[in-house]
N, C-alpha and C. Protein backbone atom coordinates (compact mmCIF):
# COMPACT_ATOMS: atom_id res chain seq x y z
N MET A 1 129.86 149.00 124.53
CA MET A 1 129.08 149.40 123.38
C MET A 1 128.08 150.45 123.82
N ALA A 2 127.96 151.49 123.07
CA ALA A 2 127.04 152.58 123.43
C ALA A 2 125.61 152.17 123.08
N PRO A 3 124.67 152.45 124.01
CA PRO A 3 123.28 152.11 123.71
C PRO A 3 122.75 152.99 122.60
N THR A 4 121.79 152.47 121.85
CA THR A 4 121.17 153.25 120.77
C THR A 4 120.01 154.03 121.33
N LEU A 5 119.80 155.19 120.81
CA LEU A 5 118.77 156.09 121.31
C LEU A 5 117.54 155.98 120.42
N LEU A 6 116.37 155.85 121.05
CA LEU A 6 115.12 155.77 120.30
C LEU A 6 114.44 157.13 120.33
N THR A 7 113.36 157.18 119.64
CA THR A 7 112.59 158.42 119.59
C THR A 7 111.83 158.61 120.87
N ALA A 8 111.10 159.70 120.98
CA ALA A 8 110.34 160.03 122.19
C ALA A 8 109.36 158.92 122.52
N CYS A 9 109.07 158.80 123.80
CA CYS A 9 108.21 157.75 124.30
C CYS A 9 106.79 157.92 123.80
N SER A 10 106.22 156.86 123.32
CA SER A 10 104.83 156.90 122.90
C SER A 10 104.03 155.95 123.78
N ALA A 11 102.75 155.87 123.53
CA ALA A 11 101.91 155.01 124.34
C ALA A 11 102.36 153.56 124.23
N LEU A 12 102.69 153.13 123.06
CA LEU A 12 103.18 151.76 122.85
C LEU A 12 104.61 151.87 122.33
N PRO A 13 105.56 151.46 123.13
CA PRO A 13 106.95 151.55 122.66
C PRO A 13 107.19 150.55 121.54
N PRO A 14 108.18 150.81 120.70
CA PRO A 14 108.50 149.87 119.63
C PRO A 14 108.94 148.53 120.22
N GLU A 15 108.85 147.50 119.42
CA GLU A 15 109.21 146.16 119.89
C GLU A 15 110.69 146.11 120.25
N GLY A 16 110.99 145.53 121.44
CA GLY A 16 112.36 145.43 121.90
C GLY A 16 112.83 146.64 122.68
N ALA A 17 112.02 147.70 122.73
CA ALA A 17 112.43 148.90 123.46
C ALA A 17 112.01 148.79 124.92
N VAL A 18 112.69 149.52 125.77
CA VAL A 18 112.37 149.56 127.18
C VAL A 18 111.27 150.59 127.38
N PRO A 19 110.18 150.25 128.12
CA PRO A 19 109.11 151.22 128.32
C PRO A 19 109.62 152.45 129.06
N CYS A 20 108.96 153.58 128.84
CA CYS A 20 109.39 154.85 129.42
C CYS A 20 108.82 155.09 130.81
N LEU A 21 108.11 154.19 131.33
CA LEU A 21 107.53 154.29 132.67
C LEU A 21 106.61 155.50 132.82
N GLY A 22 105.88 155.80 131.77
CA GLY A 22 104.83 156.82 131.86
C GLY A 22 105.30 158.26 131.89
N ARG A 23 106.51 158.53 131.56
CA ARG A 23 106.97 159.92 131.52
C ARG A 23 106.91 160.40 130.08
N PRO A 24 105.98 161.30 129.78
CA PRO A 24 105.89 161.77 128.40
C PRO A 24 107.15 162.53 128.01
N GLY A 25 107.59 162.28 126.83
CA GLY A 25 108.75 162.98 126.31
C GLY A 25 110.07 162.32 126.69
N ALA A 26 110.04 161.29 127.54
CA ALA A 26 111.29 160.62 127.92
C ALA A 26 111.71 159.70 126.78
N THR A 27 112.96 159.43 126.70
CA THR A 27 113.46 158.57 125.63
C THR A 27 113.79 157.19 126.20
N ALA A 28 113.64 156.21 125.39
CA ALA A 28 113.93 154.84 125.79
C ALA A 28 115.27 154.41 125.22
N LEU A 29 116.00 153.64 125.98
CA LEU A 29 117.31 153.18 125.54
C LEU A 29 117.26 151.66 125.32
N ILE A 30 117.90 151.19 124.32
CA ILE A 30 118.02 149.76 124.06
C ILE A 30 119.51 149.44 124.01
N SER A 31 119.91 148.42 124.75
CA SER A 31 121.30 147.98 124.64
C SER A 31 121.28 146.53 124.20
N ARG A 32 122.06 146.23 123.24
CA ARG A 32 122.16 144.87 122.74
C ARG A 32 123.42 144.25 123.33
N GLN A 33 123.24 143.05 123.94
CA GLN A 33 124.34 142.39 124.62
C GLN A 33 125.10 141.51 123.63
N LYS A 34 126.40 141.68 123.59
CA LYS A 34 127.24 140.84 122.74
C LYS A 34 128.32 140.23 123.62
N GLY A 35 128.57 138.91 123.47
CA GLY A 35 129.58 138.24 124.26
C GLY A 35 128.96 137.58 125.49
N PHE A 36 129.83 137.19 126.44
CA PHE A 36 129.41 136.49 127.64
C PHE A 36 129.71 137.34 128.86
N THR A 37 128.92 137.16 129.91
CA THR A 37 129.20 137.85 131.16
C THR A 37 130.27 137.07 131.92
N LEU A 38 130.86 137.72 132.88
CA LEU A 38 131.88 137.07 133.69
C LEU A 38 131.29 135.89 134.45
N LEU A 39 130.07 136.02 134.94
CA LEU A 39 129.42 134.94 135.67
C LEU A 39 129.23 133.71 134.78
N GLU A 40 128.82 133.90 133.55
CA GLU A 40 128.66 132.77 132.63
C GLU A 40 129.99 132.06 132.38
N LEU A 41 131.05 132.83 132.22
CA LEU A 41 132.37 132.22 132.01
C LEU A 41 132.83 131.45 133.24
N LEU A 42 132.58 131.97 134.45
CA LEU A 42 132.96 131.28 135.67
C LEU A 42 132.20 129.97 135.83
N VAL A 43 130.93 129.95 135.46
CA VAL A 43 130.13 128.73 135.55
C VAL A 43 130.70 127.67 134.60
N VAL A 44 131.06 128.05 133.40
CA VAL A 44 131.62 127.11 132.43
C VAL A 44 132.96 126.56 132.93
N VAL A 45 133.80 127.42 133.48
CA VAL A 45 135.10 126.98 134.01
C VAL A 45 134.89 126.01 135.17
N ALA A 46 133.92 126.27 136.05
CA ALA A 46 133.64 125.38 137.18
C ALA A 46 133.15 124.01 136.68
N ILE A 47 132.30 123.99 135.68
CA ILE A 47 131.81 122.73 135.13
C ILE A 47 132.96 121.92 134.52
N ILE A 48 133.85 122.59 133.82
CA ILE A 48 135.00 121.90 133.22
C ILE A 48 135.91 121.35 134.32
N ALA A 49 136.12 122.09 135.40
CA ALA A 49 136.97 121.62 136.50
C ALA A 49 136.37 120.39 137.18
N ILE A 50 135.07 120.39 137.41
CA ILE A 50 134.41 119.24 138.04
C ILE A 50 134.48 118.02 137.13
N ALA A 51 134.27 118.21 135.85
CA ALA A 51 134.36 117.10 134.90
C ALA A 51 135.78 116.54 134.83
N SER A 52 136.78 117.41 134.86
CA SER A 52 138.18 116.96 134.84
C SER A 52 138.51 116.15 136.08
N ALA A 53 138.03 116.57 137.24
CA ALA A 53 138.29 115.83 138.47
C ALA A 53 137.63 114.45 138.41
N GLY A 54 136.44 114.39 137.88
CA GLY A 54 135.75 113.10 137.74
C GLY A 54 136.51 112.15 136.83
N VAL A 55 137.04 112.65 135.75
CA VAL A 55 137.82 111.81 134.83
C VAL A 55 139.11 111.35 135.50
N ALA A 56 139.74 112.22 136.28
CA ALA A 56 140.99 111.84 136.96
C ALA A 56 140.74 110.71 137.95
N PHE A 57 139.65 110.78 138.69
CA PHE A 57 139.33 109.70 139.63
C PHE A 57 138.95 108.42 138.90
N ALA A 58 138.31 108.53 137.76
CA ALA A 58 137.93 107.35 137.00
C ALA A 58 139.14 106.64 136.41
N LEU A 59 140.21 107.37 136.16
CA LEU A 59 141.41 106.78 135.57
C LEU A 59 142.36 106.20 136.61
N ARG A 60 141.99 106.22 137.89
CA ARG A 60 142.85 105.69 138.94
C ARG A 60 143.06 104.19 138.72
N ASP A 61 144.19 103.68 139.16
CA ASP A 61 144.53 102.28 138.97
C ASP A 61 143.48 101.40 139.64
N ASN A 62 142.73 100.66 138.85
CA ASN A 62 141.62 99.86 139.35
C ASN A 62 142.08 98.69 140.21
N SER A 63 143.21 98.06 139.89
CA SER A 63 143.67 96.91 140.66
C SER A 63 144.04 97.33 142.08
N GLN A 64 144.64 98.49 142.24
CA GLN A 64 144.99 98.99 143.58
C GLN A 64 143.72 99.31 144.36
N THR A 65 142.74 99.90 143.72
CA THR A 65 141.48 100.24 144.39
C THR A 65 140.77 98.98 144.87
N LEU A 66 140.70 97.96 144.02
CA LEU A 66 140.05 96.71 144.42
C LEU A 66 140.80 96.02 145.55
N LEU A 67 142.12 96.06 145.52
CA LEU A 67 142.91 95.46 146.59
C LEU A 67 142.65 96.19 147.91
N GLU A 68 142.60 97.52 147.87
CA GLU A 68 142.31 98.30 149.09
C GLU A 68 140.92 97.98 149.62
N ARG A 69 139.95 97.87 148.73
CA ARG A 69 138.58 97.55 149.16
C ARG A 69 138.50 96.15 149.74
N ASP A 70 139.18 95.18 149.11
CA ASP A 70 139.19 93.82 149.65
C ASP A 70 139.85 93.77 151.02
N ALA A 71 140.93 94.52 151.20
CA ALA A 71 141.63 94.53 152.49
C ALA A 71 140.76 95.16 153.58
N ALA A 72 140.15 96.29 153.29
CA ALA A 72 139.28 96.94 154.28
C ALA A 72 138.08 96.06 154.62
N ARG A 73 137.54 95.40 153.60
CA ARG A 73 136.39 94.50 153.82
C ARG A 73 136.80 93.30 154.67
N LEU A 74 137.98 92.72 154.40
CA LEU A 74 138.42 91.56 155.18
C LEU A 74 138.68 91.95 156.63
N ALA A 75 139.24 93.13 156.86
CA ALA A 75 139.45 93.59 158.24
C ALA A 75 138.12 93.73 158.97
N ALA A 76 137.11 94.27 158.28
CA ALA A 76 135.77 94.40 158.89
C ALA A 76 135.15 93.02 159.14
N LEU A 77 135.33 92.10 158.20
CA LEU A 77 134.80 90.73 158.38
C LEU A 77 135.48 90.04 159.56
N PHE A 78 136.79 90.23 159.70
CA PHE A 78 137.50 89.66 160.85
C PHE A 78 136.92 90.18 162.16
N GLU A 79 136.68 91.48 162.23
CA GLU A 79 136.14 92.06 163.45
C GLU A 79 134.72 91.57 163.73
N SER A 80 133.93 91.41 162.68
CA SER A 80 132.57 90.89 162.84
C SER A 80 132.60 89.45 163.34
N ALA A 81 133.44 88.62 162.72
CA ALA A 81 133.56 87.22 163.14
C ALA A 81 134.10 87.13 164.57
N ARG A 82 135.02 88.01 164.90
CA ARG A 82 135.58 88.04 166.26
C ARG A 82 134.50 88.37 167.29
N ALA A 83 133.65 89.36 166.96
CA ALA A 83 132.55 89.73 167.87
C ALA A 83 131.54 88.60 168.00
N GLN A 84 131.21 87.93 166.90
CA GLN A 84 130.26 86.82 166.95
C GLN A 84 130.85 85.65 167.75
N SER A 85 132.13 85.42 167.62
CA SER A 85 132.78 84.35 168.38
C SER A 85 132.75 84.63 169.87
N ARG A 86 133.01 85.87 170.24
CA ARG A 86 132.98 86.24 171.66
C ARG A 86 131.56 86.16 172.21
N ALA A 87 130.57 86.53 171.39
CA ALA A 87 129.18 86.51 171.86
C ALA A 87 128.66 85.09 172.04
N THR A 88 129.06 84.18 171.17
CA THR A 88 128.55 82.80 171.24
C THR A 88 129.47 81.87 172.04
N GLY A 89 130.73 82.27 172.22
CA GLY A 89 131.69 81.42 172.91
C GLY A 89 132.24 80.29 172.06
N VAL A 90 131.98 80.33 170.77
CA VAL A 90 132.44 79.30 169.84
C VAL A 90 133.68 79.82 169.10
N PRO A 91 134.76 79.04 169.05
CA PRO A 91 135.95 79.48 168.30
C PRO A 91 135.64 79.63 166.81
N VAL A 92 136.18 80.67 166.21
CA VAL A 92 136.00 80.91 164.77
C VAL A 92 137.39 80.97 164.14
N HIS A 93 137.54 80.21 163.05
CA HIS A 93 138.79 80.19 162.29
C HIS A 93 138.50 80.68 160.88
N TRP A 94 139.37 81.55 160.37
CA TRP A 94 139.28 81.97 158.98
C TRP A 94 140.33 81.18 158.21
N ARG A 95 139.92 80.65 157.05
CA ARG A 95 140.86 79.90 156.22
C ARG A 95 140.56 80.17 154.75
N LEU A 96 141.58 79.96 153.93
CA LEU A 96 141.43 80.11 152.48
C LEU A 96 140.77 78.88 151.90
N THR A 97 139.98 79.07 150.86
CA THR A 97 139.40 77.97 150.09
C THR A 97 139.82 78.14 148.64
N THR A 98 139.42 77.21 147.78
CA THR A 98 139.80 77.29 146.37
C THR A 98 139.17 78.48 145.67
N ASP A 99 137.98 78.88 146.07
CA ASP A 99 137.31 80.01 145.41
C ASP A 99 137.11 81.21 146.33
N GLY A 100 137.84 81.30 147.41
CA GLY A 100 137.72 82.44 148.32
C GLY A 100 138.24 82.12 149.69
N PHE A 101 137.35 82.21 150.68
CA PHE A 101 137.72 81.95 152.06
C PHE A 101 136.49 81.50 152.83
N ALA A 102 136.70 81.00 154.05
CA ALA A 102 135.57 80.52 154.86
C ALA A 102 135.83 80.87 156.33
N PHE A 103 134.74 81.01 157.06
CA PHE A 103 134.79 81.24 158.50
C PHE A 103 134.24 79.98 159.18
N ASP A 104 135.13 79.12 159.65
CA ASP A 104 134.71 77.90 160.34
C ASP A 104 134.30 78.26 161.77
N GLY A 105 133.13 77.74 162.18
CA GLY A 105 132.62 78.03 163.52
C GLY A 105 131.40 78.93 163.48
N LEU A 106 131.13 79.53 162.34
CA LEU A 106 129.93 80.36 162.15
C LEU A 106 128.95 79.62 161.27
N PRO A 107 127.65 79.87 161.42
CA PRO A 107 126.68 79.25 160.50
C PRO A 107 126.99 79.62 159.05
N ALA A 108 126.66 78.72 158.14
CA ALA A 108 126.93 78.94 156.73
C ALA A 108 126.27 80.22 156.24
N ARG A 109 126.96 80.92 155.37
CA ARG A 109 126.48 82.15 154.72
C ARG A 109 126.22 83.29 155.72
N THR A 110 126.81 83.23 156.90
CA THR A 110 126.69 84.34 157.85
C THR A 110 127.48 85.54 157.36
N LEU A 111 128.67 85.28 156.84
CA LEU A 111 129.54 86.33 156.31
C LEU A 111 129.91 85.99 154.87
N PRO A 112 130.27 86.99 154.07
CA PRO A 112 130.69 86.71 152.69
C PRO A 112 131.91 85.78 152.65
N GLU A 113 132.04 85.05 151.55
CA GLU A 113 133.12 84.07 151.42
C GLU A 113 133.91 84.20 150.12
N ARG A 114 133.81 85.35 149.47
CA ARG A 114 134.53 85.57 148.21
C ARG A 114 135.16 86.95 148.21
N TRP A 115 136.22 87.10 147.42
CA TRP A 115 136.85 88.40 147.24
C TRP A 115 135.97 89.27 146.37
N LEU A 116 136.11 90.57 146.50
CA LEU A 116 135.34 91.49 145.66
C LEU A 116 135.82 91.43 144.21
N GLY A 117 137.12 91.33 144.02
CA GLY A 117 137.68 91.27 142.68
C GLY A 117 138.34 89.94 142.41
N THR A 118 138.54 89.63 141.15
CA THR A 118 139.19 88.37 140.78
C THR A 118 140.70 88.50 140.80
N ASP A 119 141.21 89.70 141.07
CA ASP A 119 142.64 89.97 141.03
C ASP A 119 143.29 89.86 142.42
N THR A 120 142.53 89.51 143.45
CA THR A 120 143.04 89.46 144.81
C THR A 120 143.36 88.03 145.23
N VAL A 121 144.50 87.87 145.90
CA VAL A 121 144.89 86.58 146.43
C VAL A 121 145.58 86.81 147.78
N ALA A 122 145.40 85.85 148.70
CA ALA A 122 146.08 85.91 149.99
C ALA A 122 147.37 85.13 149.89
N ARG A 123 148.47 85.71 150.38
CA ARG A 123 149.78 85.06 150.26
C ARG A 123 149.99 83.95 151.28
N ASN A 124 149.58 84.17 152.51
CA ASN A 124 149.81 83.13 153.53
C ASN A 124 148.59 82.23 153.64
N THR A 125 148.80 80.99 153.97
CA THR A 125 147.69 80.03 154.01
C THR A 125 147.41 79.53 155.43
N THR A 126 148.00 80.15 156.43
CA THR A 126 147.74 79.71 157.80
C THR A 126 146.38 80.22 158.25
N PRO A 127 145.58 79.40 158.92
CA PRO A 127 144.29 79.86 159.41
C PRO A 127 144.45 80.97 160.46
N VAL A 128 143.45 81.82 160.56
CA VAL A 128 143.46 82.91 161.52
C VAL A 128 142.43 82.59 162.60
N LEU A 129 142.87 82.58 163.86
CA LEU A 129 141.97 82.34 164.99
C LEU A 129 141.35 83.67 165.40
N LEU A 130 140.02 83.70 165.46
CA LEU A 130 139.31 84.96 165.74
C LEU A 130 138.56 84.95 167.07
N GLY A 131 138.78 84.02 167.94
CA GLY A 131 138.12 84.06 169.24
C GLY A 131 137.87 82.68 169.77
N PRO A 132 137.20 82.56 170.86
CA PRO A 132 136.31 83.49 171.55
C PRO A 132 136.99 84.32 172.65
N GLU A 133 138.27 84.09 172.91
CA GLU A 133 138.93 84.84 173.96
C GLU A 133 139.04 86.32 173.55
N PRO A 134 138.99 87.23 174.53
CA PRO A 134 139.10 88.65 174.19
C PRO A 134 140.47 89.02 173.61
N VAL A 135 141.51 88.33 174.05
CA VAL A 135 142.85 88.58 173.52
C VAL A 135 143.28 87.35 172.74
N ILE A 136 143.49 87.56 171.46
CA ILE A 136 143.95 86.46 170.60
C ILE A 136 145.43 86.70 170.32
N GLY A 137 146.09 85.75 169.73
CA GLY A 137 147.51 85.94 169.39
C GLY A 137 147.68 86.90 168.24
N ARG A 138 148.93 87.27 167.99
CA ARG A 138 149.24 88.12 166.84
C ARG A 138 148.82 87.39 165.57
N GLN A 139 148.04 88.05 164.73
CA GLN A 139 147.50 87.44 163.51
C GLN A 139 147.75 88.39 162.35
N GLU A 140 147.96 87.84 161.16
CA GLU A 140 148.10 88.67 159.97
C GLU A 140 147.80 87.88 158.71
N VAL A 141 147.29 88.59 157.72
CA VAL A 141 147.06 88.04 156.39
C VAL A 141 147.57 89.09 155.41
N VAL A 142 148.29 88.66 154.40
CA VAL A 142 148.80 89.57 153.37
C VAL A 142 148.02 89.33 152.09
N LEU A 143 147.39 90.38 151.57
CA LEU A 143 146.68 90.31 150.30
C LEU A 143 147.55 90.91 149.22
N GLN A 144 147.49 90.30 148.03
CA GLN A 144 148.32 90.75 146.93
C GLN A 144 147.51 90.77 145.65
N SER A 145 147.85 91.68 144.77
CA SER A 145 147.24 91.75 143.45
C SER A 145 147.92 90.75 142.53
N ILE A 146 147.15 89.95 141.80
CA ILE A 146 147.72 88.97 140.89
C ILE A 146 148.38 89.66 139.70
N SER A 147 147.70 90.67 139.14
CA SER A 147 148.24 91.34 137.95
C SER A 147 149.39 92.29 138.28
N GLN A 148 149.43 92.81 139.50
CA GLN A 148 150.49 93.72 139.94
C GLN A 148 151.10 93.18 141.23
N PRO A 149 152.00 92.21 141.16
CA PRO A 149 152.53 91.57 142.37
C PRO A 149 153.20 92.52 143.35
N SER A 150 153.61 93.70 142.89
CA SER A 150 154.25 94.65 143.81
C SER A 150 153.23 95.32 144.74
N GLN A 151 151.95 95.19 144.43
CA GLN A 151 150.91 95.78 145.28
C GLN A 151 150.46 94.74 146.30
N ALA A 152 150.68 95.06 147.58
CA ALA A 152 150.29 94.14 148.65
C ALA A 152 149.89 94.94 149.88
N LEU A 153 148.93 94.41 150.62
CA LEU A 153 148.46 95.03 151.86
C LEU A 153 148.39 93.97 152.95
N ARG A 154 148.67 94.36 154.18
CA ARG A 154 148.64 93.45 155.32
C ARG A 154 147.45 93.82 156.20
N ILE A 155 146.68 92.81 156.59
CA ILE A 155 145.60 92.96 157.57
C ILE A 155 146.13 92.29 158.83
N ALA A 156 146.32 93.06 159.91
CA ALA A 156 147.00 92.51 161.07
C ALA A 156 146.42 93.05 162.37
N THR A 157 146.66 92.30 163.44
CA THR A 157 146.34 92.71 164.80
C THR A 157 147.44 92.21 165.72
N ASP A 158 147.60 92.92 166.83
CA ASP A 158 148.56 92.44 167.84
C ASP A 158 147.89 91.48 168.81
N GLY A 159 146.62 91.24 168.67
CA GLY A 159 145.87 90.33 169.52
C GLY A 159 144.88 91.03 170.42
N ALA A 160 145.17 92.26 170.79
CA ALA A 160 144.27 93.02 171.65
C ALA A 160 143.51 94.10 170.88
N ARG A 161 144.17 94.70 169.91
CA ARG A 161 143.56 95.77 169.12
C ARG A 161 142.80 95.20 167.92
N PRO A 162 141.95 96.03 167.29
CA PRO A 162 141.24 95.57 166.09
C PRO A 162 142.21 95.33 164.93
N PHE A 163 141.73 94.60 163.94
CA PHE A 163 142.50 94.38 162.72
C PHE A 163 142.60 95.70 161.96
N THR A 164 143.77 95.98 161.42
CA THR A 164 143.98 97.19 160.62
C THR A 164 144.64 96.82 159.31
N VAL A 165 144.48 97.69 158.33
CA VAL A 165 145.10 97.51 157.02
C VAL A 165 146.39 98.32 156.99
N GLN A 166 147.49 97.66 156.63
CA GLN A 166 148.80 98.30 156.59
C GLN A 166 149.43 98.05 155.24
N THR A 167 150.26 98.98 154.80
CA THR A 167 150.96 98.76 153.54
C THR A 167 152.15 97.85 153.77
N VAL A 168 152.47 97.07 152.76
CA VAL A 168 153.62 96.17 152.81
C VAL A 168 154.73 96.83 152.01
N PRO A 169 155.92 96.99 152.61
CA PRO A 169 157.02 97.61 151.84
C PRO A 169 157.36 96.79 150.61
N ALA A 170 157.68 97.48 149.54
CA ALA A 170 158.02 96.80 148.29
C ALA A 170 159.32 96.04 148.46
N VAL A 171 159.34 94.83 147.93
CA VAL A 171 160.53 93.98 148.00
C VAL A 171 161.34 94.20 146.74
N THR A 172 162.61 94.57 146.93
CA THR A 172 163.48 94.76 145.76
C THR A 172 164.35 93.51 145.59
N PRO A 173 164.49 93.04 144.35
CA PRO A 173 165.26 91.80 144.12
C PRO A 173 166.75 92.01 144.31
């Protein structure tokens, strides 16, 4: 758009005009902006992209997320109980209870005793020995989602290495 031309510069320029910077006889130009700048459009597109990514993460399958969090938490709890058992020399056993699980051999309420979500269940019911020897036998616990039985994760160790979370292959009928 072509700028509009004003009259010669006076001591007080008209409202909205650009001052003439003290040059007598110079003319002032006014340009009126219509539309958006490229920078403004890029900012809006970036905001929309960030909001879309947030919505995509929020729509992720919640039962799988809770199962992954419960598995990672249980692996960390196993390692903590294993370290406490080695430090005190007292054997620690992990076992399932009606409302969660328990660590026998540790003082009460030392470690959490419930799942993070109500959708998590452990498939095997054998107790897990967590020490006090530095090398324990091969141990594993399989966690499964109640609402999505095809979702399962294994928390396992070979006895010398730390507990890790592994995926369980899907069983086809």
